[in-house]
């Protein structure tokens, strides 16, 4: 199953205390766009989860907060679009147009890849003992042994796209890979910071 419950997957990350590291594998910017910054944006999160799942809300609100911190009027889609995804494309466009949004930021879960790494074990002496013969003799039993072990790491891939709402043309897009996120919140914080910074530097917000 390509799309799984994101919360359960993130909870299974082996290094839960590790911070999230996010990088882009590709990024696109529409070179012909000259419309200036978009100041009212609807944020839509899609994870392929069951209706009403809190992970999509967490995803949307994380980006809303990041955009608002840069002075952008942003709204999470769950506040105006049914969470059961029953709305048709035309109904969604009508709702977006009625609310006066100039742009739509779409964040979609592409996949979750689990990779396994083996760390070899090792054996080492604790060091020579002190105190003559007896110290050296008993010190010889101070061997330290660490068995080899396997560790699993999660790589979460998300696709983020930014559209203007006049013709729904793609203005900016990127595919990101996040390593070992300890929670959905940490993943969103890491990704939203990079996305909003790129949108700002490219004059889109």
C-alpha atoms as a PDB file:
ATOM      1  CA  UNK A   1       0.000   0.000   0.000  1.00  0.00           C
ATOM      2  CA  UNK A   2       1.561   3.230  -1.165  1.00  0.00           C
ATOM      3  CA  UNK A   3      -0.522   5.478   1.051  1.00  0.00           C
ATOM      4  CA  UNK A   4      -0.617   4.456   4.674  1.00  0.00           C
ATOM      5  CA  UNK A   5      -1.738   6.183   7.811  1.00  0.00           C
ATOM      6  CA  UNK A   6       0.905   8.837   8.155  1.00  0.00           C
ATOM      7  CA  UNK A   7       0.625   9.123  11.913  1.00  0.00           C
ATOM      8  CA  UNK A   8       1.297   5.413  12.477  1.00  0.00           C
ATOM      9  CA  UNK A   9       4.227   5.415  10.091  1.00  0.00           C
ATOM     10  CA  UNK A  10       5.818   8.404  11.738  1.00  0.00           C
ATOM     11  CA  UNK A  11       5.357   6.828  15.144  1.00  0.00           C
ATOM     12  CA  UNK A  12       7.397   3.845  13.955  1.00  0.00           C
ATOM     13  CA  UNK A  13      10.487   5.876  13.130  1.00  0.00           C
ATOM     14  CA  UNK A  14      13.511   4.322  14.797  1.00  0.00           C
ATOM     15  CA  UNK A  15      15.221   7.570  15.789  1.00  0.00           C
ATOM     16  CA  UNK A  16      12.325   9.405  17.378  1.00  0.00           C
ATOM     17  CA  UNK A  17      14.510  12.010  19.028  1.00  0.00           C
ATOM     18  CA  UNK A  18      16.215  13.044  15.825  1.00  0.00           C
ATOM     19  CA  UNK A  19      15.263  16.319  14.160  1.00  0.00           C
ATOM     20  CA  UNK A  20      13.763  16.302  10.701  1.00  0.00           C
ATOM     21  CA  UNK A  21      16.073  16.943   7.764  1.00  0.00           C
ATOM     22  CA  UNK A  22      14.321  18.003   4.549  1.00  0.00           C
ATOM     23  CA  UNK A  23      15.836  18.469   1.108  1.00  0.00           C
ATOM     24  CA  UNK A  24      14.450  19.114  -2.372  1.00  0.00           C
ATOM     25  CA  UNK A  25      15.028  16.556  -5.093  1.00  0.00           C
ATOM     26  CA  UNK A  26      13.664  18.963  -7.709  1.00  0.00           C
ATOM     27  CA  UNK A  27      12.084  22.410  -7.903  1.00  0.00           C
ATOM     28  CA  UNK A  28      10.221  24.311 -10.614  1.00  0.00           C
ATOM     29  CA  UNK A  29       9.438  28.025 -10.991  1.00  0.00           C
ATOM     30  CA  UNK A  30       7.311  29.412 -13.829  1.00  0.00           C
ATOM     31  CA  UNK A  31       9.691  31.813 -15.606  1.00  0.00           C
ATOM     32  CA  UNK A  32       6.952  33.733 -17.460  1.00  0.00           C
ATOM     33  CA  UNK A  33       4.919  34.724 -14.396  1.00  0.00           C
ATOM     34  CA  UNK A  34       4.794  38.472 -13.788  1.00  0.00           C
ATOM     35  CA  UNK A  35       1.685  38.859 -11.655  1.00  0.00           C
ATOM     36  CA  UNK A  36       3.469  39.776  -8.444  1.00  0.00           C
ATOM     37  CA  UNK A  37       2.997  38.329  -4.951  1.00  0.00           C
ATOM     38  CA  UNK A  38      -0.184  36.401  -4.158  1.00  0.00           C
ATOM     39  CA  UNK A  39      -1.596  37.595  -0.861  1.00  0.00           C
ATOM     40  CA  UNK A  40      -4.548  35.257  -0.221  1.00  0.00           C
ATOM     41  CA  UNK A  41      -3.814  31.544  -0.352  1.00  0.00           C
ATOM     42  CA  UNK A  42      -5.795  28.377   0.311  1.00  0.00           C
ATOM     43  CA  UNK A  43      -3.708  25.479   1.651  1.00  0.00           C
ATOM     44  CA  UNK A  44      -4.782  21.934   0.750  1.00  0.00           C
ATOM     45  CA  UNK A  45      -3.156  18.836   2.244  1.00  0.00           C
ATOM     46  CA  UNK A  46      -3.665  15.376   0.733  1.00  0.00           C
ATOM     47  CA  UNK A  47      -2.287  12.260   2.386  1.00  0.00           C
ATOM     48  CA  UNK A  48      -4.572   9.589   0.923  1.00  0.00           C
ATOM     49  CA  UNK A  49      -5.975   8.915   4.373  1.00  0.00           C
ATOM     50  CA  UNK A  50      -9.528   8.283   5.512  1.00  0.00           C
ATOM     51  CA  UNK A  51     -11.897  11.238   5.640  1.00  0.00           C
ATOM     52  CA  UNK A  52     -11.460  13.688   8.465  1.00  0.00           C
ATOM     53  CA  UNK A  53      -7.968  12.506   9.332  1.00  0.00           C
ATOM     54  CA  UNK A  54      -6.141  14.859  11.670  1.00  0.00           C
ATOM     55  CA  UNK A  55      -2.855  14.485   9.771  1.00  0.00           C
ATOM     56  CA  UNK A  56      -4.192  16.510   6.854  1.00  0.00           C
ATOM     57  CA  UNK A  57      -5.293  19.249   9.235  1.00  0.00           C
ATOM     58  CA  UNK A  58      -1.873  19.250  10.865  1.00  0.00           C
ATOM     59  CA  UNK A  59      -0.276  19.494   7.427  1.00  0.00           C
ATOM     60  CA  UNK A  60      -2.497  22.374   6.374  1.00  0.00           C
ATOM     61  CA  UNK A  61      -2.246  24.335   9.605  1.00  0.00           C
ATOM     62  CA  UNK A  62       1.539  24.041   9.629  1.00  0.00           C
ATOM     63  CA  UNK A  63       1.725  25.722   6.224  1.00  0.00           C
ATOM     64  CA  UNK A  64      -0.948  28.261   7.145  1.00  0.00           C
ATOM     65  CA  UNK A  65       1.082  29.313  10.181  1.00  0.00           C
ATOM     66  CA  UNK A  66       4.281  29.529   8.123  1.00  0.00           C
ATOM     67  CA  UNK A  67       2.581  31.709   5.500  1.00  0.00           C
ATOM     68  CA  UNK A  68       0.910  33.918   8.080  1.00  0.00           C
ATOM     69  CA  UNK A  69       4.261  34.467   9.771  1.00  0.00           C
ATOM     70  CA  UNK A  70       5.363  36.083   6.506  1.00  0.00           C
ATOM     71  CA  UNK A  71       2.309  38.327   6.400  1.00  0.00           C
ATOM     72  CA  UNK A  72       0.309  36.231   3.921  1.00  0.00           C
ATOM     73  CA  UNK A  73      -3.456  35.741   4.307  1.00  0.00           C
ATOM     74  CA  UNK A  74      -3.701  31.936   4.338  1.00  0.00           C
ATOM     75  CA  UNK A  75      -6.499  29.498   5.162  1.00  0.00           C
ATOM     76  CA  UNK A  76      -6.629  25.730   5.700  1.00  0.00           C
ATOM     77  CA  UNK A  77      -8.921  24.013   3.196  1.00  0.00           C
ATOM     78  CA  UNK A  78     -10.719  21.938   5.817  1.00  0.00           C
ATOM     79  CA  UNK A  79     -12.488  25.113   6.945  1.00  0.00           C
ATOM     80  CA  UNK A  80     -14.287  25.544   3.592  1.00  0.00           C
ATOM     81  CA  UNK A  81     -14.079  22.177   1.779  1.00  0.00           C
ATOM     82  CA  UNK A  82     -15.661  18.911   3.075  1.00  0.00           C
ATOM     83  CA  UNK A  83     -13.064  16.498   4.482  1.00  0.00           C
ATOM     84  CA  UNK A  84     -14.707  13.501   2.835  1.00  0.00           C
ATOM     85  CA  UNK A  85     -13.332  14.742  -0.515  1.00  0.00           C
ATOM     86  CA  UNK A  86     -16.840  14.562  -1.968  1.00  0.00           C
ATOM     87  CA  UNK A  87     -16.639  17.997  -3.599  1.00  0.00           C
ATOM     88  CA  UNK A  88     -16.227  17.932  -7.370  1.00  0.00           C
ATOM     89  CA  UNK A  89     -13.549  19.920  -9.164  1.00  0.00           C
ATOM     90  CA  UNK A  90     -16.092  22.534 -10.220  1.00  0.00           C
ATOM     91  CA  UNK A  91     -17.482  22.825  -6.692  1.00  0.00           C
ATOM     92  CA  UNK A  92     -13.982  23.348  -5.338  1.00  0.00           C
ATOM     93  CA  UNK A  93     -13.226  26.018  -7.929  1.00  0.00           C
ATOM     94  CA  UNK A  94     -16.503  27.767  -7.116  1.00  0.00           C
ATOM     95  CA  UNK A  95     -15.747  27.767  -3.384  1.00  0.00           C
ATOM     96  CA  UNK A  96     -12.225  29.071  -3.981  1.00  0.00           C
ATOM     97  CA  UNK A  97     -13.456  31.795  -6.332  1.00  0.00           C
ATOM     98  CA  UNK A  98     -16.256  32.863  -3.989  1.00  0.00           C
ATOM     99  CA  UNK A  99     -13.801  33.266  -1.110  1.00  0.00           C
ATOM    100  CA  UNK A 100     -11.487  35.357  -3.288  1.00  0.00           C
ATOM    101  CA  UNK A 101      -8.338  33.243  -3.082  1.00  0.00           C
ATOM    102  CA  UNK A 102      -5.573  34.246  -5.455  1.00  0.00           C
ATOM    103  CA  UNK A 103      -3.531  31.100  -5.029  1.00  0.00           C
ATOM    104  CA  UNK A 104      -3.748  27.469  -3.948  1.00  0.00           C
ATOM    105  CA  UNK A 105      -0.898  25.650  -2.223  1.00  0.00           C
ATOM    106  CA  UNK A 106      -1.289  21.888  -2.595  1.00  0.00           C
ATOM    107  CA  UNK A 107       0.793  19.502  -0.479  1.00  0.00           C
ATOM    108  CA  UNK A 108       0.471  15.824  -1.388  1.00  0.00           C
ATOM    109  CA  UNK A 109       1.990  12.730   0.190  1.00  0.00           C
ATOM    110  CA  UNK A 110       3.776  10.824  -2.574  1.00  0.00           C
ATOM    111  CA  UNK A 111       5.277   7.953  -0.633  1.00  0.00           C
ATOM    112  CA  UNK A 112       7.002   6.657   2.479  1.00  0.00           C
ATOM    113  CA  UNK A 113      10.167   4.631   2.029  1.00  0.00           C
ATOM    114  CA  UNK A 114      11.649   2.505   4.808  1.00  0.00           C
ATOM    115  CA  UNK A 115      15.368   1.844   4.496  1.00  0.00           C
ATOM    116  CA  UNK A 116      17.387  -0.510   6.667  1.00  0.00           C
ATOM    117  CA  UNK A 117      20.990  -0.012   7.753  1.00  0.00           C
ATOM    118  CA  UNK A 118      23.160  -2.582   9.525  1.00  0.00           C
ATOM    119  CA  UNK A 119      25.693  -1.380  12.083  1.00  0.00           C
ATOM    120  CA  UNK A 120      28.382  -4.029  12.794  1.00  0.00           C
ATOM    121  CA  UNK A 121      29.137  -4.975  16.365  1.00  0.00           C
ATOM    122  CA  UNK A 122      32.525  -4.636  18.021  1.00  0.00           C
ATOM    123  CA  UNK A 123      34.552  -5.994  20.935  1.00  0.00           C
ATOM    124  CA  UNK A 124      37.196  -4.097  22.877  1.00  0.00           C
ATOM    125  CA  UNK A 125      39.116  -4.420  26.088  1.00  0.00           C
ATOM    126  CA  UNK A 126      38.397  -1.924  28.804  1.00  0.00           C
ATOM    127  CA  UNK A 127      42.122  -1.276  29.185  1.00  0.00           C
ATOM    128  CA  UNK A 128      44.989  -2.659  31.237  1.00  0.00           C
ATOM    129  CA  UNK A 129      44.447  -2.783  34.971  1.00  0.00           C
ATOM    130  CA  UNK A 130      46.618  -0.965  37.457  1.00  0.00           C
ATOM    131  CA  UNK A 131      48.112  -2.256  40.728  1.00  0.00           C
ATOM    132  CA  UNK A 132      50.737  -4.767  39.610  1.00  0.00           C
ATOM    133  CA  UNK A 133      50.032  -8.298  38.539  1.00  0.00           C
ATOM    134  CA  UNK A 134      46.579  -8.602  40.084  1.00  0.00           C
ATOM    135  CA  UNK A 135      45.395  -5.321  38.608  1.00  0.00           C
ATOM    136  CA  UNK A 136      46.505  -6.390  35.150  1.00  0.00           C
ATOM    137  CA  UNK A 137      45.105  -9.882  35.593  1.00  0.00           C
ATOM    138  CA  UNK A 138      41.622  -8.865  36.636  1.00  0.00           C
ATOM    139  CA  UNK A 139      41.629  -5.905  34.275  1.00  0.00           C
ATOM    140  CA  UNK A 140      41.880  -8.394  31.433  1.00  0.00           C
ATOM    141  CA  UNK A 141      38.275  -9.383  32.074  1.00  0.00           C
ATOM    142  CA  UNK A 142      37.020  -5.869  31.307  1.00  0.00           C
ATOM    143  CA  UNK A 143      36.076  -6.659  27.715  1.00  0.00           C
ATOM    144  CA  UNK A 144      33.318  -4.514  26.232  1.00  0.00           C
ATOM    145  CA  UNK A 145      31.099  -6.103  23.609  1.00  0.00           C
ATOM    146  CA  UNK A 146      28.458  -4.392  21.492  1.00  0.00           C
ATOM    147  CA  UNK A 147      26.408  -6.615  19.170  1.00  0.00           C
ATOM    148  CA  UNK A 148      25.561  -5.573  15.637  1.00  0.00           C
ATOM    149  CA  UNK A 149      22.091  -4.234  15.008  1.00  0.00           C
ATOM    150  CA  UNK A 150      19.719  -3.100  12.286  1.00  0.00           C
ATOM    151  CA  UNK A 151      18.126   0.339  12.243  1.00  0.00           C
ATOM    152  CA  UNK A 152      15.204   1.430  10.115  1.00  0.00           C
ATOM    153  CA  UNK A 153      14.910   4.942   8.752  1.00  0.00           C
ATOM    154  CA  UNK A 154      11.868   6.584   7.212  1.00  0.00           C
ATOM    155  CA  UNK A 155      12.054   8.850   4.161  1.00  0.00           C
ATOM    156  CA  UNK A 156       8.821  10.753   3.552  1.00  0.00           C
ATOM    157  CA  UNK A 157       8.338  12.200   0.062  1.00  0.00           C
ATOM    158  CA  UNK A 158       5.930  15.096  -0.448  1.00  0.00           C
ATOM    159  CA  UNK A 159       5.016  17.004  -3.583  1.00  0.00           C
ATOM    160  CA  UNK A 160       4.178  20.688  -3.112  1.00  0.00           C
ATOM    161  CA  UNK A 161       2.556  22.772  -5.855  1.00  0.00           C
ATOM    162  CA  UNK A 162       1.504  26.434  -5.955  1.00  0.00           C
ATOM    163  CA  UNK A 163      -1.163  27.530  -8.458  1.00  0.00           C
ATOM    164  CA  UNK A 164      -2.703  30.878  -9.309  1.00  0.00           C
ATOM    165  CA  UNK A 165      -6.511  30.708  -9.420  1.00  0.00           C
ATOM    166  CA  UNK A 166      -7.260  32.625 -12.635  1.00  0.00           C
ATOM    167  CA  UNK A 167      -6.294  29.765 -14.917  1.00  0.00           C
ATOM    168  CA  UNK A 168      -4.873  27.365 -12.324  1.00  0.00           C
ATOM    169  CA  UNK A 169      -1.441  27.586 -13.843  1.00  0.00           C
ATOM    170  CA  UNK A 170       1.437  26.057 -11.902  1.00  0.00           C
ATOM    171  CA  UNK A 171       3.707  28.839 -10.628  1.00  0.00           C
ATOM    172  CA  UNK A 172       5.970  26.837  -8.350  1.00  0.00           C
ATOM    173  CA  UNK A 173       6.474  23.164  -7.583  1.00  0.00           C
ATOM    174  CA  UNK A 174       8.866  20.966  -5.684  1.00  0.00           C
ATOM    175  CA  UNK A 175       9.396  17.402  -4.518  1.00  0.00           C
ATOM    176  CA  UNK A 176      10.906  17.045  -1.067  1.00  0.00           C
ATOM    177  CA  UNK A 177      12.396  14.175   0.895  1.00  0.00           C
ATOM    178  CA  UNK A 178      12.368  14.293   4.691  1.00  0.00           C
ATOM    179  CA  UNK A 179      14.634  11.978   6.680  1.00  0.00           C
ATOM    180  CA  UNK A 180      13.452  10.323   9.899  1.00  0.00           C
ATOM    181  CA  UNK A 181      10.743  12.780  10.965  1.00  0.00           C
ATOM    182  CA  UNK A 182      10.004  12.337  14.656  1.00  0.00           C
ATOM    183  CA  UNK A 183       6.430  13.567  14.204  1.00  0.00           C
ATOM    184  CA  UNK A 184       4.096  15.044  11.632  1.00  0.00           C
ATOM    185  CA  UNK A 185       4.598  18.428  13.272  1.00  0.00           C
ATOM    186  CA  UNK A 186       8.388  18.336  12.904  1.00  0.00           C
ATOM    187  CA  UNK A 187       8.084  17.279   9.264  1.00  0.00           C
ATOM    188  CA  UNK A 188       5.648  20.100   8.486  1.00  0.00           C
ATOM    189  CA  UNK A 189       7.756  22.675  10.297  1.00  0.00           C
ATOM    190  CA  UNK A 190      10.868  21.698   8.346  1.00  0.00           C
ATOM    191  CA  UNK A 191       9.112  21.578   4.967  1.00  0.00           C
ATOM    192  CA  UNK A 192       6.901  24.654   5.350  1.00  0.00           C
ATOM    193  CA  UNK A 193       9.908  26.777   6.255  1.00  0.00           C
ATOM    194  CA  UNK A 194      11.698  25.791   3.043  1.00  0.00           C
ATOM    195  CA  UNK A 195       8.617  26.169   0.846  1.00  0.00           C
ATOM    196  CA  UNK A 196       7.601  29.604   2.113  1.00  0.00           C
ATOM    197  CA  UNK A 197      11.188  30.855   1.891  1.00  0.00           C
ATOM    198  CA  UNK A 198      11.374  29.724  -1.740  1.00  0.00           C
ATOM    199  CA  UNK A 199       8.004  31.282  -2.570  1.00  0.00           C
ATOM    200  CA  UNK A 200       9.141  34.548  -1.010  1.00  0.00           C
ATOM    201  CA  UNK A 201      12.537  34.569  -2.749  1.00  0.00           C
ATOM    202  CA  UNK A 202      10.813  33.967  -6.101  1.00  0.00           C
ATOM    203  CA  UNK A 203       8.409  36.859  -5.552  1.00  0.00           C
ATOM    204  CA  UNK A 204       5.286  34.697  -5.341  1.00  0.00           C
ATOM    205  CA  UNK A 205       4.231  35.734  -1.830  1.00  0.00           C
END
